[in-house]
Amino acid sequence: LFVFFMPNMLGDSENYIVANPMQTPPAIVP
C-alpha cells in the first residue's frame, strides 16, 4: 500500500530538493 499508493508519505519533502549549502531548511529534523 505504501510503495504503490503513498511512497513518499513517510519522507520529508525537503529531501526531494537538491542539497544547497547556502540555504538552510526551515526545520532540520531526522
mmCIF file of all heavy atoms, coordinates in Angstrom:
data_MODEL
# 
_entry.id   MODEL 
# 
loop_
_atom_site.group_PDB 
_atom_site.id 
_atom_site.type_symbol 
_atom_site.label_atom_id 
_atom_site.label_alt_id 
_atom_site.label_comp_id 
_atom_site.label_asym_id 
_atom_site.label_entity_id 
_atom_site.label_seq_id 
_atom_site.pdbx_PDB_ins_code 
_atom_site.Cartn_x 
_atom_site.Cartn_y 
_atom_site.Cartn_z 
_atom_site.occupancy 
_atom_site.B_iso_or_equiv 
_atom_site.pdbx_formal_charge 
_atom_site.auth_seq_id 
_atom_site.auth_comp_id 
_atom_site.auth_asym_id 
_atom_site.auth_atom_id 
_atom_site.pdbx_PDB_model_num 
ATOM 1   N N   . LEU A 1 1  ? 0.829  -1.206 0.000  1.00 0.00 ? 1  LEU A N   1 
ATOM 2   C CA  . LEU A 1 1  ? 0.000  0.000  0.000  1.00 0.00 ? 1  LEU A CA  1 
ATOM 3   C C   . LEU A 1 1  ? 0.865  1.259  0.000  1.00 0.00 ? 1  LEU A C   1 
ATOM 4   O O   . LEU A 1 1  ? 0.595  2.218  -0.736 1.00 0.00 ? 1  LEU A O   1 
ATOM 5   C CB  . LEU A 1 1  ? -0.922 0.004  1.219  1.00 0.00 ? 1  LEU A CB  1 
ATOM 6   C CG  . LEU A 1 1  ? -2.097 -0.973 1.217  1.00 0.00 ? 1  LEU A CG  1 
ATOM 7   C CD1 . LEU A 1 1  ? -2.882 -0.859 2.523  1.00 0.00 ? 1  LEU A CD1 1 
ATOM 8   C CD2 . LEU A 1 1  ? -3.021 -0.697 0.039  1.00 0.00 ? 1  LEU A CD2 1 
ATOM 9   N N   . PHE A 1 2  ? 1.912  1.247  0.829  1.00 0.00 ? 2  PHE A N   1 
ATOM 10  C CA  . PHE A 1 2  ? 2.796  2.417  0.889  1.00 0.00 ? 2  PHE A CA  1 
ATOM 11  C C   . PHE A 1 2  ? 3.611  2.552  -0.395 1.00 0.00 ? 2  PHE A C   1 
ATOM 12  O O   . PHE A 1 2  ? 3.753  3.653  -0.936 1.00 0.00 ? 2  PHE A O   1 
ATOM 13  C CB  . PHE A 1 2  ? 3.732  2.313  2.099  1.00 0.00 ? 2  PHE A CB  1 
ATOM 14  C CG  . PHE A 1 2  ? 3.117  2.784  3.377  1.00 0.00 ? 2  PHE A CG  1 
ATOM 15  C CD1 . PHE A 1 2  ? 2.421  1.916  4.212  1.00 0.00 ? 2  PHE A CD1 1 
ATOM 16  C CD2 . PHE A 1 2  ? 3.224  4.108  3.757  1.00 0.00 ? 2  PHE A CD2 1 
ATOM 17  C CE1 . PHE A 1 2  ? 1.837  2.354  5.378  1.00 0.00 ? 2  PHE A CE1 1 
ATOM 18  C CE2 . PHE A 1 2  ? 2.652  4.565  4.933  1.00 0.00 ? 2  PHE A CE2 1 
ATOM 19  C CZ  . PHE A 1 2  ? 1.955  3.681  5.742  1.00 0.00 ? 2  PHE A CZ  1 
ATOM 20  N N   . VAL A 1 3  ? 4.165  1.456  -0.884 1.00 0.00 ? 3  VAL A N   1 
ATOM 21  C CA  . VAL A 1 3  ? 5.049  1.518  -2.052 1.00 0.00 ? 3  VAL A CA  1 
ATOM 22  C C   . VAL A 1 3  ? 4.297  1.965  -3.302 1.00 0.00 ? 3  VAL A C   1 
ATOM 23  O O   . VAL A 1 3  ? 4.785  2.796  -4.075 1.00 0.00 ? 3  VAL A O   1 
ATOM 24  C CB  . VAL A 1 3  ? 5.728  0.145  -2.279 1.00 0.00 ? 3  VAL A CB  1 
ATOM 25  C CG1 . VAL A 1 3  ? 6.440  0.102  -3.627 1.00 0.00 ? 3  VAL A CG1 1 
ATOM 26  C CG2 . VAL A 1 3  ? 6.726  -0.137 -1.161 1.00 0.00 ? 3  VAL A CG2 1 
ATOM 27  N N   . PHE A 1 4  ? 3.090  1.461  -3.511 1.00 0.00 ? 4  PHE A N   1 
ATOM 28  C CA  . PHE A 1 4  ? 2.369  1.710  -4.761 1.00 0.00 ? 4  PHE A CA  1 
ATOM 29  C C   . PHE A 1 4  ? 1.418  2.906  -4.701 1.00 0.00 ? 4  PHE A C   1 
ATOM 30  O O   . PHE A 1 4  ? 1.101  3.484  -5.743 1.00 0.00 ? 4  PHE A O   1 
ATOM 31  C CB  . PHE A 1 4  ? 1.592  0.458  -5.173 1.00 0.00 ? 4  PHE A CB  1 
ATOM 32  C CG  . PHE A 1 4  ? 2.467  -0.700 -5.552 1.00 0.00 ? 4  PHE A CG  1 
ATOM 33  C CD1 . PHE A 1 4  ? 2.563  -1.813 -4.737 1.00 0.00 ? 4  PHE A CD1 1 
ATOM 34  C CD2 . PHE A 1 4  ? 3.227  -0.670 -6.712 1.00 0.00 ? 4  PHE A CD2 1 
ATOM 35  C CE1 . PHE A 1 4  ? 3.380  -2.879 -5.078 1.00 0.00 ? 4  PHE A CE1 1 
ATOM 36  C CE2 . PHE A 1 4  ? 4.041  -1.727 -7.060 1.00 0.00 ? 4  PHE A CE2 1 
ATOM 37  C CZ  . PHE A 1 4  ? 4.126  -2.836 -6.244 1.00 0.00 ? 4  PHE A CZ  1 
ATOM 38  N N   . PHE A 1 5  ? 0.962  3.274  -3.502 1.00 0.00 ? 5  PHE A N   1 
ATOM 39  C CA  . PHE A 1 5  ? -0.057 4.318  -3.420 1.00 0.00 ? 5  PHE A CA  1 
ATOM 40  C C   . PHE A 1 5  ? 0.402  5.581  -2.679 1.00 0.00 ? 5  PHE A C   1 
ATOM 41  O O   . PHE A 1 5  ? -0.089 6.672  -2.971 1.00 0.00 ? 5  PHE A O   1 
ATOM 42  C CB  . PHE A 1 5  ? -1.326 3.773  -2.753 1.00 0.00 ? 5  PHE A CB  1 
ATOM 43  C CG  . PHE A 1 5  ? -1.999 2.701  -3.557 1.00 0.00 ? 5  PHE A CG  1 
ATOM 44  C CD1 . PHE A 1 5  ? -1.827 1.363  -3.235 1.00 0.00 ? 5  PHE A CD1 1 
ATOM 45  C CD2 . PHE A 1 5  ? -2.782 3.015  -4.652 1.00 0.00 ? 5  PHE A CD2 1 
ATOM 46  C CE1 . PHE A 1 5  ? -2.436 0.363  -3.980 1.00 0.00 ? 5  PHE A CE1 1 
ATOM 47  C CE2 . PHE A 1 5  ? -3.392 2.025  -5.399 1.00 0.00 ? 5  PHE A CE2 1 
ATOM 48  C CZ  . PHE A 1 5  ? -3.220 0.699  -5.072 1.00 0.00 ? 5  PHE A CZ  1 
ATOM 49  N N   . MET A 1 6  ? 1.294  5.454  -1.705 1.00 0.00 ? 6  MET A N   1 
ATOM 50  C CA  . MET A 1 6  ? 1.770  6.636  -0.976 1.00 0.00 ? 6  MET A CA  1 
ATOM 51  C C   . MET A 1 6  ? 3.247  6.468  -0.608 1.00 0.00 ? 6  MET A C   1 
ATOM 52  O O   . MET A 1 6  ? 3.593  6.427  0.572  1.00 0.00 ? 6  MET A O   1 
ATOM 53  C CB  . MET A 1 6  ? 0.918  6.879  0.271  1.00 0.00 ? 6  MET A CB  1 
ATOM 54  C CG  . MET A 1 6  ? 0.497  5.642  1.014  1.00 0.00 ? 6  MET A CG  1 
ATOM 55  S SD  . MET A 1 6  ? -0.675 5.999  2.323  1.00 0.00 ? 6  MET A SD  1 
ATOM 56  C CE  . MET A 1 6  ? -1.111 4.332  2.843  1.00 0.00 ? 6  MET A CE  1 
ATOM 57  N N   . PRO A 1 7  ? 4.119  6.349  -1.598 1.00 0.00 ? 7  PRO A N   1 
ATOM 58  C CA  . PRO A 1 7  ? 5.531  6.012  -1.340 1.00 0.00 ? 7  PRO A CA  1 
ATOM 59  C C   . PRO A 1 7  ? 6.313  7.099  -0.616 1.00 0.00 ? 7  PRO A C   1 
ATOM 60  O O   . PRO A 1 7  ? 7.311  6.806  0.032  1.00 0.00 ? 7  PRO A O   1 
ATOM 61  C CB  . PRO A 1 7  ? 6.092  5.773  -2.745 1.00 0.00 ? 7  PRO A CB  1 
ATOM 62  C CG  . PRO A 1 7  ? 5.204  6.561  -3.649 1.00 0.00 ? 7  PRO A CG  1 
ATOM 63  C CD  . PRO A 1 7  ? 3.845  6.492  -3.031 1.00 0.00 ? 7  PRO A CD  1 
ATOM 64  N N   . ASN A 1 8  ? 5.877  8.360  -0.740 1.00 0.00 ? 8  ASN A N   1 
ATOM 65  C CA  . ASN A 1 8  ? 6.628  9.468  -0.132 1.00 0.00 ? 8  ASN A CA  1 
ATOM 66  C C   . ASN A 1 8  ? 6.005  9.977  1.154  1.00 0.00 ? 8  ASN A C   1 
ATOM 67  O O   . ASN A 1 8  ? 6.426  11.010 1.673  1.00 0.00 ? 8  ASN A O   1 
ATOM 68  C CB  . ASN A 1 8  ? 6.733  10.620 -1.138 1.00 0.00 ? 8  ASN A CB  1 
ATOM 69  C CG  . ASN A 1 8  ? 7.436  10.202 -2.410 1.00 0.00 ? 8  ASN A CG  1 
ATOM 70  O OD1 . ASN A 1 8  ? 8.492  9.574  -2.362 1.00 0.00 ? 8  ASN A OD1 1 
ATOM 71  N ND2 . ASN A 1 8  ? 6.860  10.528 -3.561 1.00 0.00 ? 8  ASN A ND2 1 
ATOM 72  N N   . MET A 1 9  ? 5.018  9.268  1.666  1.00 0.00 ? 9  MET A N   1 
ATOM 73  C CA  . MET A 1 9  ? 4.297  9.741  2.846  1.00 0.00 ? 9  MET A CA  1 
ATOM 74  C C   . MET A 1 9  ? 5.209  9.853  4.071  1.00 0.00 ? 9  MET A C   1 
ATOM 75  O O   . MET A 1 9  ? 5.079  10.775 4.882  1.00 0.00 ? 9  MET A O   1 
ATOM 76  C CB  . MET A 1 9  ? 3.130  8.800  3.146  1.00 0.00 ? 9  MET A CB  1 
ATOM 77  C CG  . MET A 1 9  ? 2.294  9.216  4.329  1.00 0.00 ? 9  MET A CG  1 
ATOM 78  S SD  . MET A 1 9  ? 0.934  8.067  4.629  1.00 0.00 ? 9  MET A SD  1 
ATOM 79  C CE  . MET A 1 9  ? 0.221  8.793  6.101  1.00 0.00 ? 9  MET A CE  1 
ATOM 80  N N   . LEU A 1 10 ? 6.123  8.907  4.232  1.00 0.00 ? 10 LEU A N   1 
ATOM 81  C CA  . LEU A 1 10 ? 6.978  8.870  5.413  1.00 0.00 ? 10 LEU A CA  1 
ATOM 82  C C   . LEU A 1 10 ? 8.293  9.638  5.225  1.00 0.00 ? 10 LEU A C   1 
ATOM 83  O O   . LEU A 1 10 ? 9.118  9.674  6.133  1.00 0.00 ? 10 LEU A O   1 
ATOM 84  C CB  . LEU A 1 10 ? 7.282  7.414  5.789  1.00 0.00 ? 10 LEU A CB  1 
ATOM 85  C CG  . LEU A 1 10 ? 6.056  6.553  6.106  1.00 0.00 ? 10 LEU A CG  1 
ATOM 86  C CD1 . LEU A 1 10 ? 6.458  5.105  6.332  1.00 0.00 ? 10 LEU A CD1 1 
ATOM 87  C CD2 . LEU A 1 10 ? 5.317  7.088  7.323  1.00 0.00 ? 10 LEU A CD2 1 
ATOM 88  N N   . GLY A 1 11 ? 8.484  10.244 4.048  1.00 0.00 ? 11 GLY A N   1 
ATOM 89  C CA  . GLY A 1 11 ? 9.690  11.019 3.783  1.00 0.00 ? 11 GLY A CA  1 
ATOM 90  C C   . GLY A 1 11 ? 9.467  12.505 4.005  1.00 0.00 ? 11 GLY A C   1 
ATOM 91  O O   . GLY A 1 11 ? 8.341  12.966 4.200  1.00 0.00 ? 11 GLY A O   1 
ATOM 92  N N   . ASP A 1 12 ? 10.542 13.268 3.982  1.00 0.00 ? 12 ASP A N   1 
ATOM 93  C CA  . ASP A 1 12 ? 10.475 14.722 4.142  1.00 0.00 ? 12 ASP A CA  1 
ATOM 94  C C   . ASP A 1 12 ? 10.535 15.377 2.770  1.00 0.00 ? 12 ASP A C   1 
ATOM 95  O O   . ASP A 1 12 ? 11.412 15.054 1.958  1.00 0.00 ? 12 ASP A O   1 
ATOM 96  C CB  . ASP A 1 12 ? 11.644 15.212 5.012  1.00 0.00 ? 12 ASP A CB  1 
ATOM 97  C CG  . ASP A 1 12 ? 11.430 16.629 5.520  1.00 0.00 ? 12 ASP A CG  1 
ATOM 98  O OD1 . ASP A 1 12 ? 11.235 17.523 4.677  1.00 0.00 ? 12 ASP A OD1 1 
ATOM 99  O OD2 . ASP A 1 12 ? 11.447 16.824 6.743  1.00 0.00 ? 12 ASP A OD2 1 
ATOM 100 N N   . SER A 1 13 ? 9.630  16.293 2.510  1.00 0.00 ? 13 SER A N   1 
ATOM 101 C CA  . SER A 1 13 ? 9.563  16.940 1.194  1.00 0.00 ? 13 SER A CA  1 
ATOM 102 C C   . SER A 1 13 ? 10.835 17.705 0.868  1.00 0.00 ? 13 SER A C   1 
ATOM 103 O O   . SER A 1 13 ? 11.209 17.851 -0.301 1.00 0.00 ? 13 SER A O   1 
ATOM 104 C CB  . SER A 1 13 ? 8.354  17.880 1.128  1.00 0.00 ? 13 SER A CB  1 
ATOM 105 O OG  . SER A 1 13 ? 8.421  18.859 2.161  1.00 0.00 ? 13 SER A OG  1 
ATOM 106 N N   . GLU A 1 14 ? 11.528 18.208 1.906  1.00 0.00 ? 14 GLU A N   1 
ATOM 107 C CA  . GLU A 1 14 ? 12.767 18.970 1.681  1.00 0.00 ? 14 GLU A CA  1 
ATOM 108 C C   . GLU A 1 14 ? 13.862 18.103 1.073  1.00 0.00 ? 14 GLU A C   1 
ATOM 109 O O   . GLU A 1 14 ? 14.768 18.625 0.426  1.00 0.00 ? 14 GLU A O   1 
ATOM 110 C CB  . GLU A 1 14 ? 13.273 19.566 2.997  1.00 0.00 ? 14 GLU A CB  1 
ATOM 111 C CG  . GLU A 1 14 ? 12.434 20.697 3.551  1.00 0.00 ? 14 GLU A CG  1 
ATOM 112 C CD  . GLU A 1 14 ? 12.611 21.995 2.769  1.00 0.00 ? 14 GLU A CD  1 
ATOM 113 O OE1 . GLU A 1 14 ? 13.641 22.134 2.085  1.00 0.00 ? 14 GLU A OE1 1 
ATOM 114 O OE2 . GLU A 1 14 ? 11.717 22.857 2.850  1.00 0.00 ? 14 GLU A OE2 1 
ATOM 115 N N   . ASN A 1 15 ? 13.757 16.802 1.267  1.00 0.00 ? 15 ASN A N   1 
ATOM 116 C CA  . ASN A 1 15 ? 14.815 15.931 0.763  1.00 0.00 ? 15 ASN A CA  1 
ATOM 117 C C   . ASN A 1 15 ? 14.649 15.599 -0.708 1.00 0.00 ? 15 ASN A C   1 
ATOM 118 O O   . ASN A 1 15 ? 15.471 14.870 -1.273 1.00 0.00 ? 15 ASN A O   1 
ATOM 119 C CB  . ASN A 1 15 ? 14.870 14.631 1.584  1.00 0.00 ? 15 ASN A CB  1 
ATOM 120 C CG  . ASN A 1 15 ? 16.286 14.181 1.848  1.00 0.00 ? 15 ASN A CG  1 
ATOM 121 O OD1 . ASN A 1 15 ? 17.193 15.001 1.980  1.00 0.00 ? 15 ASN A OD1 1 
ATOM 122 N ND2 . ASN A 1 15 ? 16.505 12.886 1.906  1.00 0.00 ? 15 ASN A ND2 1 
ATOM 123 N N   . TYR A 1 16 ? 13.608 16.122 -1.330 1.00 0.00 ? 16 TYR A N   1 
ATOM 124 C CA  . TYR A 1 16 ? 13.426 15.963 -2.780 1.00 0.00 ? 16 TYR A CA  1 
ATOM 125 C C   . TYR A 1 16 ? 13.901 17.204 -3.526 1.00 0.00 ? 16 TYR A C   1 
ATOM 126 O O   . TYR A 1 16 ? 13.639 17.370 -4.708 1.00 0.00 ? 16 TYR A O   1 
ATOM 127 C CB  . TYR A 1 16 ? 11.960 15.660 -3.090 1.00 0.00 ? 16 TYR A CB  1 
ATOM 128 C CG  . TYR A 1 16 ? 11.509 14.351 -2.490 1.00 0.00 ? 16 TYR A CG  1 
ATOM 129 C CD1 . TYR A 1 16 ? 10.903 14.305 -1.237 1.00 0.00 ? 16 TYR A CD1 1 
ATOM 130 C CD2 . TYR A 1 16 ? 11.740 13.151 -3.158 1.00 0.00 ? 16 TYR A CD2 1 
ATOM 131 C CE1 . TYR A 1 16 ? 10.521 13.101 -0.673 1.00 0.00 ? 16 TYR A CE1 1 
ATOM 132 C CE2 . TYR A 1 16 ? 11.353 11.938 -2.599 1.00 0.00 ? 16 TYR A CE2 1 
ATOM 133 C CZ  . TYR A 1 16 ? 10.741 11.921 -1.362 1.00 0.00 ? 16 TYR A CZ  1 
ATOM 134 O OH  . TYR A 1 16 ? 10.373 10.718 -0.795 1.00 0.00 ? 16 TYR A OH  1 
ATOM 135 N N   . ILE A 1 17 ? 14.640 18.066 -2.803 1.00 0.00 ? 17 ILE A N   1 
ATOM 136 C CA  . ILE A 1 17 ? 15.295 19.241 -3.384 1.00 0.00 ? 17 ILE A CA  1 
ATOM 137 C C   . ILE A 1 17 ? 16.789 19.020 -3.280 1.00 0.00 ? 17 ILE A C   1 
ATOM 138 O O   . ILE A 1 17 ? 17.288 18.595 -2.227 1.00 0.00 ? 17 ILE A O   1 
ATOM 139 C CB  . ILE A 1 17 ? 14.886 20.530 -2.645 1.00 0.00 ? 17 ILE A CB  1 
ATOM 140 C CG1 . ILE A 1 17 ? 13.360 20.702 -2.655 1.00 0.00 ? 17 ILE A CG1 1 
ATOM 141 C CG2 . ILE A 1 17 ? 15.574 21.739 -3.247 1.00 0.00 ? 17 ILE A CG2 1 
ATOM 142 C CD1 . ILE A 1 17 ? 12.866 21.824 -1.760 1.00 0.00 ? 17 ILE A CD1 1 
ATOM 143 N N   . VAL A 1 18 ? 17.516 19.283 -4.348 1.00 0.00 ? 18 VAL A N   1 
ATOM 144 C CA  . VAL A 1 18 ? 18.968 19.062 -4.346 1.00 0.00 ? 18 VAL A CA  1 
ATOM 145 C C   . VAL A 1 18 ? 19.630 19.877 -3.244 1.00 0.00 ? 18 VAL A C   1 
ATOM 146 O O   . VAL A 1 18 ? 19.222 21.001 -2.931 1.00 0.00 ? 18 VAL A O   1 
ATOM 147 C CB  . VAL A 1 18 ? 19.567 19.409 -5.732 1.00 0.00 ? 18 VAL A CB  1 
ATOM 148 C CG1 . VAL A 1 18 ? 19.426 20.894 -6.044 1.00 0.00 ? 18 VAL A CG1 1 
ATOM 149 C CG2 . VAL A 1 18 ? 21.014 18.958 -5.815 1.00 0.00 ? 18 VAL A CG2 1 
ATOM 150 N N   . ALA A 1 19 ? 20.649 19.303 -2.606 1.00 0.00 ? 19 ALA A N   1 
ATOM 151 C CA  . ALA A 1 19 ? 21.326 19.945 -1.473 1.00 0.00 ? 19 ALA A CA  1 
ATOM 152 C C   . ALA A 1 19 ? 21.925 21.287 -1.860 1.00 0.00 ? 19 ALA A C   1 
ATOM 153 O O   . ALA A 1 19 ? 22.570 21.405 -2.903 1.00 0.00 ? 19 ALA A O   1 
ATOM 154 C CB  . ALA A 1 19 ? 22.410 19.013 -0.939 1.00 0.00 ? 19 ALA A CB  1 
ATOM 155 N N   . ASN A 1 20 ? 21.698 22.269 -1.000 1.00 0.00 ? 20 ASN A N   1 
ATOM 156 C CA  . ASN A 1 20 ? 22.215 23.623 -1.228 1.00 0.00 ? 20 ASN A CA  1 
ATOM 157 C C   . ASN A 1 20 ? 22.834 24.128 0.066  1.00 0.00 ? 20 ASN A C   1 
ATOM 158 O O   . ASN A 1 20 ? 22.121 24.462 1.016  1.00 0.00 ? 20 ASN A O   1 
ATOM 159 C CB  . ASN A 1 20 ? 21.093 24.551 -1.684 1.00 0.00 ? 20 ASN A CB  1 
ATOM 160 C CG  . ASN A 1 20 ? 21.609 25.953 -2.010 1.00 0.00 ? 20 ASN A CG  1 
ATOM 161 O OD1 . ASN A 1 20 ? 22.804 26.228 -1.926 1.00 0.00 ? 20 ASN A OD1 1 
ATOM 162 N ND2 . ASN A 1 20 ? 20.701 26.833 -2.374 1.00 0.00 ? 20 ASN A ND2 1 
ATOM 163 N N   . PRO A 1 21 ? 24.175 24.177 0.154  1.00 0.00 ? 21 PRO A N   1 
ATOM 164 C CA  . PRO A 1 21 ? 24.812 24.613 1.408  1.00 0.00 ? 21 PRO A CA  1 
ATOM 165 C C   . PRO A 1 21 ? 24.579 26.081 1.743  1.00 0.00 ? 21 PRO A C   1 
ATOM 166 O O   . PRO A 1 21 ? 24.885 26.517 2.858  1.00 0.00 ? 21 PRO A O   1 
ATOM 167 C CB  . PRO A 1 21 ? 26.302 24.339 1.144  1.00 0.00 ? 21 PRO A CB  1 
ATOM 168 C CG  . PRO A 1 21 ? 26.446 24.307 -0.330 1.00 0.00 ? 21 PRO A CG  1 
ATOM 169 C CD  . PRO A 1 21 ? 25.156 23.801 -0.874 1.00 0.00 ? 21 PRO A CD  1 
ATOM 170 N N   . MET A 1 22 ? 24.025 26.841 0.790  1.00 0.00 ? 22 MET A N   1 
ATOM 171 C CA  . MET A 1 22 ? 23.789 28.272 1.024  1.00 0.00 ? 22 MET A CA  1 
ATOM 172 C C   . MET A 1 22 ? 22.366 28.552 1.498  1.00 0.00 ? 22 MET A C   1 
ATOM 173 O O   . MET A 1 22 ? 22.015 29.700 1.765  1.00 0.00 ? 22 MET A O   1 
ATOM 174 C CB  . MET A 1 22 ? 24.050 29.062 -0.268 1.00 0.00 ? 22 MET A CB  1 
ATOM 175 C CG  . MET A 1 22 ? 25.435 28.879 -0.845 1.00 0.00 ? 22 MET A CG  1 
ATOM 176 S SD  . MET A 1 22 ? 26.735 29.351 0.326  1.00 0.00 ? 22 MET A SD  1 
ATOM 177 C CE  . MET A 1 22 ? 26.464 31.117 0.404  1.00 0.00 ? 22 MET A CE  1 
ATOM 178 N N   . GLN A 1 23 ? 21.529 27.523 1.605  1.00 0.00 ? 23 GLN A N   1 
ATOM 179 C CA  . GLN A 1 23 ? 20.138 27.719 2.013  1.00 0.00 ? 23 GLN A CA  1 
ATOM 180 C C   . GLN A 1 23 ? 19.764 26.686 3.071  1.00 0.00 ? 23 GLN A C   1 
ATOM 181 O O   . GLN A 1 23 ? 19.784 25.492 2.809  1.00 0.00 ? 23 GLN A O   1 
ATOM 182 C CB  . GLN A 1 23 ? 19.205 27.596 0.807  1.00 0.00 ? 23 GLN A CB  1 
ATOM 183 C CG  . GLN A 1 23 ? 17.740 27.836 1.134  1.00 0.00 ? 23 GLN A CG  1 
ATOM 184 C CD  . GLN A 1 23 ? 16.849 27.683 -0.082 1.00 0.00 ? 23 GLN A CD  1 
ATOM 185 O OE1 . GLN A 1 23 ? 17.337 27.431 -1.182 1.00 0.00 ? 23 GLN A OE1 1 
ATOM 186 N NE2 . GLN A 1 23 ? 15.553 27.825 0.113  1.00 0.00 ? 23 GLN A NE2 1 
ATOM 187 N N   . THR A 1 24 ? 19.415 27.189 4.249  1.00 0.00 ? 24 THR A N   1 
ATOM 188 C CA  . THR A 1 24 ? 19.049 26.303 5.351  1.00 0.00 ? 24 THR A CA  1 
ATOM 189 C C   . THR A 1 24 ? 17.550 26.021 5.330  1.00 0.00 ? 24 THR A C   1 
ATOM 190 O O   . THR A 1 24 ? 16.751 26.955 5.168  1.00 0.00 ? 24 THR A O   1 
ATOM 191 C CB  . THR A 1 24 ? 19.412 26.957 6.703  1.00 0.00 ? 24 THR A CB  1 
ATOM 192 O OG1 . THR A 1 24 ? 20.772 27.367 6.668  1.00 0.00 ? 24 THR A OG1 1 
ATOM 193 C CG2 . THR A 1 24 ? 19.209 25.985 7.847  1.00 0.00 ? 24 THR A CG2 1 
ATOM 194 N N   . PRO A 1 25 ? 17.119 24.760 5.489  1.00 0.00 ? 25 PRO A N   1 
ATOM 195 C CA  . PRO A 1 25 ? 15.678 24.449 5.544  1.00 0.00 ? 25 PRO A CA  1 
ATOM 196 C C   . PRO A 1 25 ? 15.014 25.104 6.756  1.00 0.00 ? 25 PRO A C   1 
ATOM 197 O O   . PRO A 1 25 ? 15.685 25.399 7.754  1.00 0.00 ? 25 PRO A O   1 
ATOM 198 C CB  . PRO A 1 25 ? 15.650 22.923 5.658  1.00 0.00 ? 25 PRO A CB  1 
ATOM 199 C CG  . PRO A 1 25 ? 16.987 22.462 5.206  1.00 0.00 ? 25 PRO A CG  1 
ATOM 200 C CD  . PRO A 1 25 ? 17.947 23.547 5.543  1.00 0.00 ? 25 PRO A CD  1 
ATOM 201 N N   . PRO A 1 26 ? 13.712 25.324 6.694  1.00 0.00 ? 26 PRO A N   1 
ATOM 202 C CA  . PRO A 1 26 ? 13.007 25.958 7.830  1.00 0.00 ? 26 PRO A CA  1 
ATOM 203 C C   . PRO A 1 26 ? 13.135 25.158 9.127  1.00 0.00 ? 26 PRO A C   1 
ATOM 204 O O   . PRO A 1 26 ? 13.246 25.729 10.207 1.00 0.00 ? 26 PRO A O   1 
ATOM 205 C CB  . PRO A 1 26 ? 11.541 26.017 7.362  1.00 0.00 ? 26 PRO A CB  1 
ATOM 206 C CG  . PRO A 1 26 ? 11.606 25.910 5.871  1.00 0.00 ? 26 PRO A CG  1 
ATOM 207 C CD  . PRO A 1 26 ? 12.802 25.083 5.554  1.00 0.00 ? 26 PRO A CD  1 
ATOM 208 N N   . ALA A 1 27 ? 13.097 23.843 9.020  1.00 0.00 ? 27 ALA A N   1 
ATOM 209 C CA  . ALA A 1 27 ? 13.232 22.977 10.205 1.00 0.00 ? 27 ALA A CA  1 
ATOM 210 C C   . ALA A 1 27 ? 14.070 21.767 9.831  1.00 0.00 ? 27 ALA A C   1 
ATOM 211 O O   . ALA A 1 27 ? 13.766 21.072 8.858  1.00 0.00 ? 27 ALA A O   1 
ATOM 212 C CB  . ALA A 1 27 ? 11.860 22.544 10.710 1.00 0.00 ? 27 ALA A CB  1 
ATOM 213 N N   . ILE A 1 28 ? 15.126 21.522 10.586 1.00 0.00 ? 28 ILE A N   1 
ATOM 214 C CA  . ILE A 1 28 ? 16.005 20.382 10.332 1.00 0.00 ? 28 ILE A CA  1 
ATOM 215 C C   . ILE A 1 28 ? 15.614 19.263 11.288 1.00 0.00 ? 28 ILE A C   1 
ATOM 216 O O   . ILE A 1 28 ? 15.783 19.375 12.512 1.00 0.00 ? 28 ILE A O   1 
ATOM 217 C CB  . ILE A 1 28 ? 17.481 20.766 10.520 1.00 0.00 ? 28 ILE A CB  1 
ATOM 218 C CG1 . ILE A 1 28 ? 17.852 21.906 9.581  1.00 0.00 ? 28 ILE A CG1 1 
ATOM 219 C CG2 . ILE A 1 28 ? 18.388 19.571 10.297 1.00 0.00 ? 28 ILE A CG2 1 
ATOM 220 C CD1 . ILE A 1 28 ? 19.243 22.470 9.814  1.00 0.00 ? 28 ILE A CD1 1 
ATOM 221 N N   . VAL A 1 29 ? 15.070 18.197 10.734 1.00 0.00 ? 29 VAL A N   1 
ATOM 222 C CA  . VAL A 1 29 ? 14.621 17.058 11.551 1.00 0.00 ? 29 VAL A CA  1 
ATOM 223 C C   . VAL A 1 29 ? 15.091 15.765 10.908 1.00 0.00 ? 29 VAL A C   1 
ATOM 224 O O   . VAL A 1 29 ? 15.201 15.677 9.682  1.00 0.00 ? 29 VAL A O   1 
ATOM 225 C CB  . VAL A 1 29 ? 13.084 17.032 11.701 1.00 0.00 ? 29 VAL A CB  1 
ATOM 226 C CG1 . VAL A 1 29 ? 12.600 18.207 12.529 1.00 0.00 ? 29 VAL A CG1 1 
ATOM 227 C CG2 . VAL A 1 29 ? 12.396 17.016 10.345 1.00 0.00 ? 29 VAL A CG2 1 
ATOM 228 N N   . PRO A 1 30 ? 15.363 14.738 11.713 1.00 0.00 ? 30 PRO A N   1 
ATOM 229 C CA  . PRO A 1 30 ? 15.719 13.426 11.148 1.00 0.00 ? 30 PRO A CA  1 
ATOM 230 C C   . PRO A 1 30 ? 14.468 12.670 10.720 1.00 0.00 ? 30 PRO A C   1 
ATOM 231 O O   . PRO A 1 30 ? 13.349 13.196 10.769 1.00 0.00 ? 30 PRO A O   1 
ATOM 232 C CB  . PRO A 1 30 ? 16.415 12.737 12.318 1.00 0.00 ? 30 PRO A CB  1 
ATOM 233 C CG  . PRO A 1 30 ? 15.772 13.326 13.527 1.00 0.00 ? 30 PRO A CG  1 
ATOM 234 C CD  . PRO A 1 30 ? 15.434 14.753 13.175 1.00 0.00 ? 30 PRO A CD  1 
# 
